[in-house]
Amino acid sequence: MIQQHVLAELRALLGEDGLLTEPEQLRTYDADGLTNFRVVPAAVALPRTGAQVQRVVQICHRERLPFVARGSGTGLSGGALPVEGGIVISLSRLNRILEIDIPNQRVVVEPGVINLQVTQAVAPYGYFYAPDPSSQSVCTIGGNVAENAGGAHCLKYGFTVTHVLGLTVVLPDGSLAHLGGKTLDTPGYDLPGVFVGSEGTLGIAIEVILRIVKRPETIQTLLAAFNSTDEAGAAVSAIIAAGMLPAAIEMMDRLSRDAAEAAVHANYPEAEALLLVELDGPAAEVALLMAQVRAICEAHGAWEIRVAQSEAERAVLWKGRKAAFAAMGRISPDYIVQDGVIPRTALPRILREIEALSARAGLRVANVFHAGDGNLHPLVLYDRSKGEEQRAEELAFEILRRCVEAGGSITGEHGVGREKQKFMSVMFAEPDLETMQLVRCAFDPHHLSNPDKVFPRPRLCAEKPGRYEPHPLERAGVAELF
């Protein structure tokens, strides 16, 4: 419970409309895009400036109040889930583009700026901002920084961390720090690299310096239809093996195709697997490579191939893919979006294993993913009203386990958040987790900034000095430490 004098101090700082404390107001913030977890915060702060963010964090630090930063709330791992008794600091009002520096190919933004607005701001100059998660029309740059967001075009252009040159951050004690800068490479430790992807556990970014990219001379998008995901997966491997680096390679299976088609009518062929391959660069080079991509797809069984002939046709091809997650509501009352990564060469095998797991569990799994870099997004479909929720969670986690066993990762771009905490110990050994904890404690020794995320169990800094000693039940393989 937050004491009344603290609420009064926050209200005086933020104004009457800058602090929410009524139960019906707070419920709006009880979850992010992962609605399985819900916690009603004690209060929601809505600062308008970086200085106000800093002052709110200083008050939290003085009162030892946990806080969670939030952008648009589109995250899919529970990363912006409130802490019981804590404060949510919404950054949606910090939504200004502060500087556009075209000669030096950079933009300075506040964290509440929408991802797509960056590209819209620089498009007239022939530039774009490359990270493009499916939620790019609503997600914020601050949230992208927290989760190191990717998107379809990160295969060629890299994730958010590749495009963040510098940050101004409010540390958990309320002090201000400048990480990185406006140049491409600053000496010393790569602190922006540490902060990006830290899921709000190291502080709050109030300004972000982004690198923008020159729009290529030509962009061409190809759609290929296959009779199986095996054929489509083999085509993906062959394209990469041929030495090409497409801007994007996306795959959708039959279920994903059907859902997307029902939602946005993209006029996709009725195929068991669809590939979207996008090439960009000089016109002559793109024309040459597109002919090779077409030949490879045909050699691997593609029975229909379309190449978008205009920007409008390209937009329609992408519309179905971008809408695929939300479209699942057309074919299932409930679903879990997972986010695992595998080596690209393991793609056909893991897709077959997912199909077998799906049959065994008696639940449907739709697959739509970034095939070029092996970032899977299996969507486990279930009906909560039929009591299928636990079975669906077990299936989703078993898929993640298979990803790790294949040499991959438990997350590609959605983050660990609350959802995958217990899987950190599947992927990392205890010394690895202890090392990460040392980094966290260097920024946040009092464990106030998004304190119950990422790590598999509650930890306090210096809670257990010395080497980790496994419990006898762990040694015997009877119990597992989460």
Foldseek 3Di string as FASTA:
>chain_A
DDDPVLVVVLCVLAPPVFKDADQVVQQVQQFALAPVGGERERMEGEHQAPLSVLVNLLSCLVVVAFEEEDELRHFAQRLRHGDHHHYYYYDLNQADFDDDDVVLQKTKGFFNHQQQVQQVVCVVVQWGAAADALCRVRTTNQQCQQQQGHHFQCLPVNTQLQWWQKFWWQFSNSDIDIAGDSDNDDDDDNVSSVRRRNSFLQTGTGMTMTGIGGHAPDKKKKKFAAQAVLLVLVLLVVLVVVVDRFSGKKKWAQLLLVLLCVVQVLVDPNHRMMIMTMHGHDPVVCVVSVVVSVVSSVVSGTPDMDMDPDPVNVCSVVSSLSCSVVSVVVPAVDKRWFKKFAQSVCVVVLVVVLVVLCVVLVWDWIWIAGSNRRIITIITGDHVVVVCVVSSLVSRVVSRLVRVVRVIHRHDRSHNFQNNQLCVVVNDPPVVLVVVVVVSCVRPQSQRTSNNTNHNDRDHVPPDDDDDDDDPCVVVVNDDDD
